[in-house]
Amino acid sequence: MHSTGKINLLAFIRLLSTSSSLVRRNHLSATFTTRCSTLCANEAEQRVGGAKLSPLEVLRKWGCNDDEISKLFTSRPALQRANVSQLDFKLSLLTPLGITSSDLVKIVSCRPKFFSSRIHLVLDERINYFIDVLGSKEVLRKAIIRNPSLMLYDLDDKIKPAIDFYRGLGFSQKDLVAMLMSRPTVIPRTSFNKGKLEYIHKTGVTRDSKMFKYVAAIIGVTRMETIQEKVANLEKFGLSEEEIWGLCGKCPILLTLSVEKVQRNMTFVVATMKLAARSVLKHPFLLLANLETQIRPRVDLVKRVFEMGMKPLVEDVSIATALRMSEKRFLKVYVMCHREDVVEELMEFYEKAKNVKRLGVESKKYVRKGFPF
């Protein structure tokens, strides 16, 4: 009996072991089935309208030609492996906005990760808000092409506060449209504080002035530290803070110039042209113009004309006026009015001066970037 009991006990243990193994096998089988189901689900996501399509075919179906698709894949190679259901869905969101296939190439070229973003979030509210701000869906389409991130910025935390602030400064709908078109990143970069409002006040530009929106927009998107650095740079040449802000009020685009460019132009104006630093207050063009391709070659040519004992077609023309002339007008006044042999000599000198300056610009690029070998 005892022996039989032991046999039965061993049989029972084997039975438990077998059952446990079966449970494990069933579990593995269930896991495998689940994984297969997931793979099938993922496979189903590659179907659009019941047909299995590739990203290329989805884009072609939406209206892109092969050249445009090639450009899209070059700008964003990951699009070739995109989930076609999501791609088709996001493309469908762009259609009501009037976005064309050529527009799409520009958008993805500007923002390669555009389709990786959640452009569907609060989309209707976003579109309605921008149509109210910009006046029409067509203007919104153009604004999106200029800055696709308008579809991505947080509506309540970024877009509305920036627009409301500019409206509070007196910006009309026309002003807002012009600002968003000329400075596409104005919304994320806009920040105003007491210091910036004081800078606007220092320019002397009032809200009823046509220049006010330009002054406010440029100061609004420029960091305080950058503004301070640019003002200090002009102060080094003897201009007072009051004079500098007055100049910025007349020509706010000066605040967008780099410190290096202003230094080079100011140094040339003072050291080579022998003009007072305050000349730029009356002639901001001296800071805006390209030193290497316009200012220096023209100054050298005018100097050469007088060294040869010649006179320009129009006497008593200031050098500042000469620098602002169109190329055709400048050559007519200083070159074409002389004998043919003199014209040839002056033109050769002028072209050589411009080419030398361009060579100098290219060499600076190599100095900054390093030679390719």
Protein backbone atom coordinates (compact mmCIF):
# COMPACT_ATOMS: atom_id res chain seq x y z
CA MET A 1 0.00 0.00 0.00
CA HIS A 2 2.77 2.37 0.91
CA SER A 3 4.51 1.64 -2.38
CA THR A 4 1.32 2.26 -4.34
CA GLY A 5 0.79 5.52 -2.44
CA LYS A 6 4.25 6.70 -3.43
CA ILE A 7 3.55 5.85 -7.06
CA ASN A 8 0.25 7.77 -6.96
CA LEU A 9 1.98 10.74 -5.34
CA LEU A 10 4.67 10.76 -8.05
CA ALA A 11 1.96 10.52 -10.70
CA PHE A 12 0.15 13.48 -9.13
CA ILE A 13 3.37 15.56 -9.10
CA ARG A 14 3.98 14.71 -12.79
CA LEU A 15 0.42 15.74 -13.55
CA LEU A 16 0.93 19.10 -11.84
CA SER A 17 4.17 19.61 -13.75
CA THR A 18 2.49 18.80 -17.06
CA SER A 19 -0.41 21.14 -16.28
CA SER A 20 2.01 23.95 -15.40
CA SER A 21 3.84 23.40 -18.67
CA LEU A 22 0.56 23.53 -20.56
CA VAL A 23 -0.36 26.79 -18.81
CA ARG A 24 2.99 28.29 -19.80
CA ARG A 25 2.53 27.11 -23.38
CA ASN A 26 -0.98 28.58 -23.47
CA HIS A 27 0.40 31.86 -22.07
CA LEU A 28 3.13 31.94 -24.72
CA SER A 29 0.55 31.12 -27.35
CA ALA A 30 -1.68 33.93 -26.12
CA THR A 31 1.28 36.35 -26.11
CA PHE A 32 2.20 35.33 -29.64
CA THR A 33 -1.42 35.78 -30.71
CA THR A 34 -1.49 39.25 -29.15
CA ARG A 35 1.72 40.21 -30.94
CA CYS A 36 0.29 38.95 -34.22
CA SER A 37 -2.84 41.00 -33.60
CA THR A 38 -0.68 44.11 -32.98
CA LEU A 39 1.27 43.49 -36.17
CA CYS A 40 -1.99 43.06 -38.05
CA ALA A 41 -3.27 46.31 -36.56
CA ASN A 42 -0.07 48.11 -37.57
CA GLU A 43 -0.39 46.60 -41.04
CA ALA A 44 -3.95 47.90 -41.20
CA GLU A 45 -2.67 51.41 -40.41
CA GLN A 46 -0.85 51.32 -43.74
CA ARG A 47 -4.20 51.25 -45.54
CA VAL A 48 -6.02 54.34 -46.72
CA GLY A 49 -9.60 54.02 -47.90
CA GLY A 50 -9.26 50.23 -47.89
CA ALA A 51 -6.27 50.26 -50.25
CA LYS A 52 -2.71 49.61 -49.16
CA LEU A 53 -0.61 52.63 -50.11
CA SER A 54 2.93 53.87 -49.58
CA PRO A 55 3.76 57.43 -48.41
CA LEU A 56 4.79 58.23 -52.00
CA GLU A 57 1.38 57.10 -53.29
CA VAL A 58 -0.44 59.05 -50.58
CA LEU A 59 1.40 62.24 -51.54
CA ARG A 60 0.77 61.57 -55.22
CA LYS A 61 -2.92 60.95 -54.48
CA TRP A 62 -3.05 64.28 -52.61
CA GLY A 63 -1.75 66.12 -55.69
CA CYS A 64 2.06 66.16 -55.50
CA ASN A 65 3.99 65.40 -58.67
CA ASP A 66 7.14 63.26 -58.64
CA ASP A 67 9.48 66.27 -58.60
CA GLU A 68 7.69 67.73 -55.57
CA ILE A 69 7.70 64.36 -53.79
CA SER A 70 11.45 64.07 -54.42
CA LYS A 71 11.97 67.50 -52.84
CA LEU A 72 9.79 66.53 -49.86
CA PHE A 73 11.76 63.31 -49.28
CA THR A 74 15.03 65.22 -49.60
CA SER A 75 13.94 67.78 -47.00
CA ARG A 76 12.51 65.10 -44.71
CA PRO A 77 13.80 61.56 -45.51
CA ALA A 78 11.66 60.12 -42.67
CA LEU A 79 8.56 60.87 -44.76
CA GLN A 80 9.40 57.81 -46.86
CA ARG A 81 8.66 55.67 -43.79
CA ALA A 82 5.74 57.70 -42.46
CA ASN A 83 2.55 56.09 -41.19
CA VAL A 84 0.33 56.60 -44.21
CA SER A 85 -2.91 56.90 -42.21
CA GLN A 86 -1.49 59.76 -40.16
CA LEU A 87 0.10 61.35 -43.24
CA ASP A 88 -3.18 61.18 -45.15
CA PHE A 89 -5.05 62.63 -42.15
CA LYS A 90 -2.67 65.58 -41.79
CA LEU A 91 -2.74 66.29 -45.50
CA SER A 92 -6.52 66.38 -45.33
CA LEU A 93 -6.26 69.10 -42.67
CA LEU A 94 -4.26 71.32 -45.04
CA THR A 95 -6.66 71.02 -47.97
CA PRO A 96 -9.39 73.37 -46.58
CA LEU A 97 -6.69 76.03 -46.02
CA GLY A 98 -5.97 76.09 -49.76
CA ILE A 99 -2.46 74.67 -49.31
CA THR A 100 -1.20 73.38 -52.67
CA SER A 101 1.46 70.80 -53.43
CA SER A 102 4.01 73.52 -54.25
CA ASP A 103 3.10 75.23 -50.96
CA LEU A 104 3.72 71.94 -49.17
CA VAL A 105 7.27 71.74 -50.57
CA LYS A 106 8.01 75.22 -49.18
CA ILE A 107 6.48 74.32 -45.80
CA VAL A 108 8.47 71.11 -45.36
CA SER A 109 11.64 72.78 -46.65
CA CYS A 110 11.19 75.45 -43.98
CA ARG A 111 10.08 73.04 -41.22
CA PRO A 112 11.26 69.48 -42.06
CA LYS A 113 9.56 68.03 -38.96
CA PHE A 114 6.21 69.63 -39.81
CA PHE A 115 4.40 66.29 -40.26
CA SER A 116 5.91 64.92 -37.07
CA SER A 117 4.08 67.62 -35.10
CA ARG A 118 0.54 67.62 -33.78
CA ILE A 119 -0.94 70.10 -36.22
CA HIS A 120 -4.45 68.83 -35.52
CA LEU A 121 -4.56 70.20 -31.96
CA VAL A 122 -7.21 72.95 -31.51
CA LEU A 123 -7.07 73.31 -35.30
CA ASP A 124 -10.53 74.78 -35.83
CA GLU A 125 -10.07 77.34 -33.06
CA ARG A 126 -6.61 78.23 -34.39
CA ILE A 127 -7.86 78.72 -37.96
CA ASN A 128 -10.86 80.80 -36.89
CA TYR A 129 -8.63 82.94 -34.67
CA PHE A 130 -6.09 83.63 -37.44
CA ILE A 131 -8.81 84.38 -40.01
CA ASP A 132 -10.19 86.94 -37.56
CA VAL A 133 -6.71 88.44 -37.07
CA LEU A 134 -5.55 88.35 -40.69
CA GLY A 135 -8.86 88.93 -42.45
CA SER A 136 -9.05 85.96 -44.83
CA LYS A 137 -8.11 82.34 -45.33
CA GLU A 138 -5.90 83.30 -48.29
CA VAL A 139 -3.77 85.61 -46.15
CA LEU A 140 -3.55 82.83 -43.54
CA ARG A 141 -2.31 80.45 -46.26
CA LYS A 142 0.46 82.89 -47.19
CA ALA A 143 1.36 83.40 -43.51
CA ILE A 144 1.63 79.63 -42.95
CA ILE A 145 3.93 79.28 -45.96
CA ARG A 146 6.13 82.07 -44.54
CA ASN A 147 6.14 80.48 -41.09
CA PRO A 148 4.66 76.94 -40.86
CA SER A 149 5.11 77.05 -37.08
CA LEU A 150 1.97 79.19 -36.88
CA MET A 151 0.26 75.79 -36.96
CA LEU A 152 2.36 74.59 -34.04
CA TYR A 153 2.77 77.47 -31.55
CA ASP A 154 0.66 77.20 -28.42
CA LEU A 155 -2.49 79.18 -29.17
CA ASP A 156 -3.23 80.40 -25.64
CA ASP A 157 0.30 80.76 -24.26
CA LYS A 158 2.15 82.13 -27.31
CA ILE A 159 -0.06 83.37 -30.12
CA LYS A 160 -2.90 85.19 -28.39
CA PRO A 161 -0.76 87.09 -25.83
CA ALA A 162 1.59 88.37 -28.57
CA ILE A 163 -1.22 89.46 -30.88
CA ASP A 164 -3.14 91.07 -28.00
CA PHE A 165 -0.06 93.05 -26.98
CA TYR A 166 0.49 94.44 -30.48
CA ARG A 167 -3.20 95.29 -30.72
CA GLY A 168 -2.83 97.09 -27.42
CA LEU A 169 -0.01 99.14 -28.95
CA GLY A 170 -2.42 100.30 -31.63
CA PHE A 171 -1.62 97.84 -34.42
CA SER A 172 -4.44 97.59 -36.98
CA GLN A 173 -5.32 94.40 -38.86
CA LYS A 174 -3.32 95.72 -41.83
CA ASP A 175 -0.32 96.34 -39.56
CA LEU A 176 -0.52 92.83 -38.10
CA VAL A 177 -0.64 91.27 -41.57
CA ALA A 178 2.38 93.30 -42.71
CA MET A 179 4.30 92.40 -39.55
CA LEU A 180 3.62 88.65 -39.76
CA MET A 181 4.60 88.61 -43.43
CA SER A 182 7.79 90.64 -43.03
CA ARG A 183 8.91 89.09 -39.73
CA PRO A 184 7.49 85.52 -39.66
CA THR A 185 8.98 84.64 -36.25
CA VAL A 186 7.56 87.70 -34.52
CA ILE A 187 5.13 85.66 -32.38
CA PRO A 188 7.54 83.28 -30.56
CA ARG A 189 10.24 85.94 -30.23
CA THR A 190 8.00 88.72 -28.93
CA SER A 191 8.52 89.74 -25.34
CA PHE A 192 7.81 93.10 -23.78
CA ASN A 193 8.75 94.43 -20.38
CA LYS A 194 9.13 97.81 -18.74
CA GLY A 195 12.63 98.24 -20.17
CA LYS A 196 11.53 97.66 -23.77
CA LEU A 197 8.60 100.04 -23.42
CA GLU A 198 11.08 102.64 -22.15
CA TYR A 199 13.25 102.06 -25.25
CA ILE A 200 10.24 102.68 -27.49
CA HIS A 201 9.56 105.90 -25.60
CA LYS A 202 13.22 107.00 -26.04
CA THR A 203 12.93 106.81 -29.83
CA GLY A 204 10.47 109.70 -29.66
CA VAL A 205 8.12 107.89 -32.04
CA THR A 206 4.47 108.36 -31.04
CA ARG A 207 1.65 105.88 -31.60
CA ASP A 208 0.13 107.96 -34.37
CA SER A 209 3.41 107.85 -36.35
CA LYS A 210 3.75 105.50 -39.33
CA MET A 211 7.10 104.38 -37.90
CA PHE A 212 5.65 103.28 -34.56
CA LYS A 213 4.70 99.74 -35.62
CA TYR A 214 8.16 99.12 -37.06
CA VAL A 215 9.92 100.42 -33.96
CA ALA A 216 7.67 98.40 -31.63
CA ALA A 217 7.96 95.19 -33.67
CA ILE A 218 11.76 95.28 -33.93
CA ILE A 219 12.25 96.12 -30.25
CA GLY A 220 9.65 93.50 -29.34
CA VAL A 221 11.55 90.65 -31.00
CA THR A 222 15.05 91.76 -29.96
CA ARG A 223 16.61 90.66 -26.67
CA MET A 224 17.38 93.37 -24.12
CA GLU A 225 21.05 92.35 -24.02
CA THR A 226 21.32 92.66 -27.80
CA ILE A 227 19.75 96.12 -27.81
CA GLN A 228 22.11 97.30 -25.08
CA GLU A 229 25.13 95.90 -26.96
CA LYS A 230 24.16 97.69 -30.19
CA VAL A 231 23.56 101.02 -28.44
CA ALA A 232 26.91 100.73 -26.62
CA ASN A 233 28.64 100.00 -29.94
CA LEU A 234 27.50 103.35 -31.40
CA GLU A 235 28.35 105.17 -28.18
CA LYS A 236 32.00 104.15 -28.71
CA PHE A 237 32.07 106.47 -31.74
CA GLY A 238 30.97 109.45 -29.68
CA LEU A 239 27.21 109.41 -30.23
CA SER A 240 25.04 110.09 -27.20
CA GLU A 241 22.32 107.68 -26.11
CA GLU A 242 19.69 110.30 -26.98
CA GLU A 243 21.12 110.68 -30.51
CA ILE A 244 21.23 106.90 -31.00
CA TRP A 245 17.62 106.39 -29.99
CA GLY A 246 16.54 109.30 -32.18
CA LEU A 247 18.34 107.63 -35.07
CA CYS A 248 16.61 104.31 -34.34
CA GLY A 249 13.28 106.12 -34.35
CA LYS A 250 13.96 107.41 -37.87
CA CYS A 251 15.49 104.17 -39.10
CA PRO A 252 14.49 101.24 -36.81
CA ILE A 253 16.06 98.68 -39.15
CA LEU A 254 19.42 99.77 -37.71
CA LEU A 255 18.61 97.62 -34.69
CA THR A 256 18.68 94.55 -36.94
CA LEU A 257 22.25 95.18 -38.14
CA SER A 258 25.08 93.20 -36.60
CA VAL A 259 27.58 94.90 -34.30
CA GLU A 260 30.39 93.89 -36.68
CA LYS A 261 28.75 95.53 -39.73
CA VAL A 262 28.11 98.81 -37.87
CA GLN A 263 31.70 98.85 -36.58
CA ARG A 264 33.16 98.34 -40.06
CA ASN A 265 30.95 100.98 -41.69
CA MET A 266 31.48 103.53 -38.92
CA THR A 267 35.24 103.01 -38.99
CA PHE A 268 35.32 103.58 -42.75
CA VAL A 269 33.11 106.68 -42.51
CA VAL A 270 35.29 108.26 -39.83
CA ALA A 271 38.80 107.04 -40.76
CA THR A 272 38.68 106.86 -44.58
CA MET A 273 35.90 109.23 -45.64
CA LYS A 274 36.97 111.71 -42.93
CA LEU A 275 33.37 112.45 -42.01
CA ALA A 276 32.18 113.19 -38.49
CA ALA A 277 30.58 110.26 -36.68
CA ARG A 278 27.39 112.30 -36.41
CA SER A 279 27.07 112.23 -40.21
CA VAL A 280 25.18 108.95 -39.83
CA LEU A 281 22.44 110.79 -37.93
CA LYS A 282 21.59 112.65 -41.13
CA HIS A 283 22.58 109.82 -43.47
CA PRO A 284 21.66 106.41 -41.94
CA PHE A 285 22.38 104.94 -45.36
CA LEU A 286 26.08 105.05 -44.46
CA LEU A 287 25.39 102.26 -41.96
CA LEU A 288 22.91 100.32 -44.09
CA ALA A 289 24.84 100.08 -47.38
CA ASN A 290 27.26 97.27 -48.14
CA LEU A 291 30.76 98.52 -47.43
CA GLU A 292 32.62 96.11 -49.71
CA THR A 293 30.45 96.23 -52.82
CA GLN A 294 29.02 99.74 -52.77
CA ILE A 295 30.51 102.30 -50.37
CA ARG A 296 34.24 101.62 -50.73
CA PRO A 297 34.31 101.16 -54.55
CA ARG A 298 32.30 104.35 -55.10
CA VAL A 299 34.40 106.38 -52.69
CA ASP A 300 37.56 105.12 -54.42
CA LEU A 301 36.17 106.03 -57.85
CA VAL A 302 35.11 109.54 -56.82
CA LYS A 303 38.57 110.07 -55.34
CA ARG A 304 40.21 108.82 -58.56
CA VAL A 305 38.10 111.22 -60.70
CA PHE A 306 39.29 114.23 -58.70
CA GLU A 307 42.89 112.97 -58.65
CA MET A 308 42.80 112.94 -62.47
CA GLY A 309 41.68 116.57 -62.44
CA MET A 310 38.22 115.69 -63.76
CA LYS A 311 34.87 116.98 -62.63
CA PRO A 312 31.57 115.10 -62.32
CA LEU A 313 28.63 115.89 -64.55
CA VAL A 314 26.87 117.56 -61.61
CA GLU A 315 29.09 119.64 -59.36
CA ASP A 316 28.64 120.14 -55.62
CA VAL A 317 27.24 116.66 -55.13
CA SER A 318 27.93 115.39 -51.63
CA ILE A 319 29.53 111.99 -51.24
CA ALA A 320 26.50 110.86 -49.25
CA THR A 321 24.28 111.69 -52.23
CA ALA A 322 26.65 109.88 -54.60
CA LEU A 323 26.47 106.76 -52.48
CA ARG A 324 22.68 106.71 -52.63
CA MET A 325 22.45 107.05 -56.41
CA SER A 326 21.38 104.14 -58.55
CA GLU A 327 24.27 102.45 -60.35
CA LYS A 328 23.18 103.90 -63.69
CA ARG A 329 22.91 107.43 -62.29
CA PHE A 330 26.24 107.16 -60.46
CA LEU A 331 28.12 106.09 -63.60
CA LYS A 332 26.45 108.80 -65.65
CA VAL A 333 27.52 111.53 -63.20
CA TYR A 334 31.07 110.34 -62.52
CA VAL A 335 32.16 108.25 -65.51
CA MET A 336 30.16 108.50 -68.75
CA CYS A 337 30.49 112.29 -68.97
CA HIS A 338 34.20 112.07 -69.85
CA ARG A 339 36.20 111.24 -73.01
CA GLU A 340 35.99 107.69 -74.27
CA ASP A 341 39.54 106.78 -73.21
CA VAL A 342 38.92 108.19 -69.73
CA VAL A 343 35.63 106.29 -69.50
CA GLU A 344 37.43 103.03 -70.28
CA GLU A 345 40.10 103.74 -67.68
CA LEU A 346 37.59 104.68 -64.98
CA MET A 347 35.35 101.69 -65.71
CA GLU A 348 38.33 99.34 -65.52
CA PHE A 349 39.33 100.90 -62.21
CA TYR A 350 35.76 100.71 -60.84
CA GLU A 351 35.19 97.08 -61.86
CA LYS A 352 38.57 96.09 -60.43
CA ALA A 353 37.71 97.85 -57.15
CA LYS A 354 34.41 95.99 -56.87
CA ASN A 355 35.94 92.64 -57.74
CA VAL A 356 38.74 93.08 -55.20
CA LYS A 357 36.17 93.82 -52.51
CA ARG A 358 34.14 90.73 -53.43
CA LEU A 359 37.32 88.65 -53.23
CA GLY A 360 37.89 90.10 -49.77
CA VAL A 361 34.41 89.09 -48.69
CA GLU A 362 34.92 85.53 -49.95
CA SER A 363 38.28 85.25 -48.18
CA LYS A 364 36.62 86.29 -44.91
CA LYS A 365 34.15 83.44 -45.31
CA TYR A 366 37.05 80.98 -45.61
CA VAL A 367 38.73 82.49 -42.57
CA ARG A 368 35.55 81.99 -40.54
CA LYS A 369 34.70 78.52 -41.83
CA GLY A 370 38.19 77.16 -42.44
CA PHE A 371 39.47 75.69 -45.69
CA PRO A 372 37.80 72.46 -46.85
CA PHE A 373 41.02 70.43 -46.83
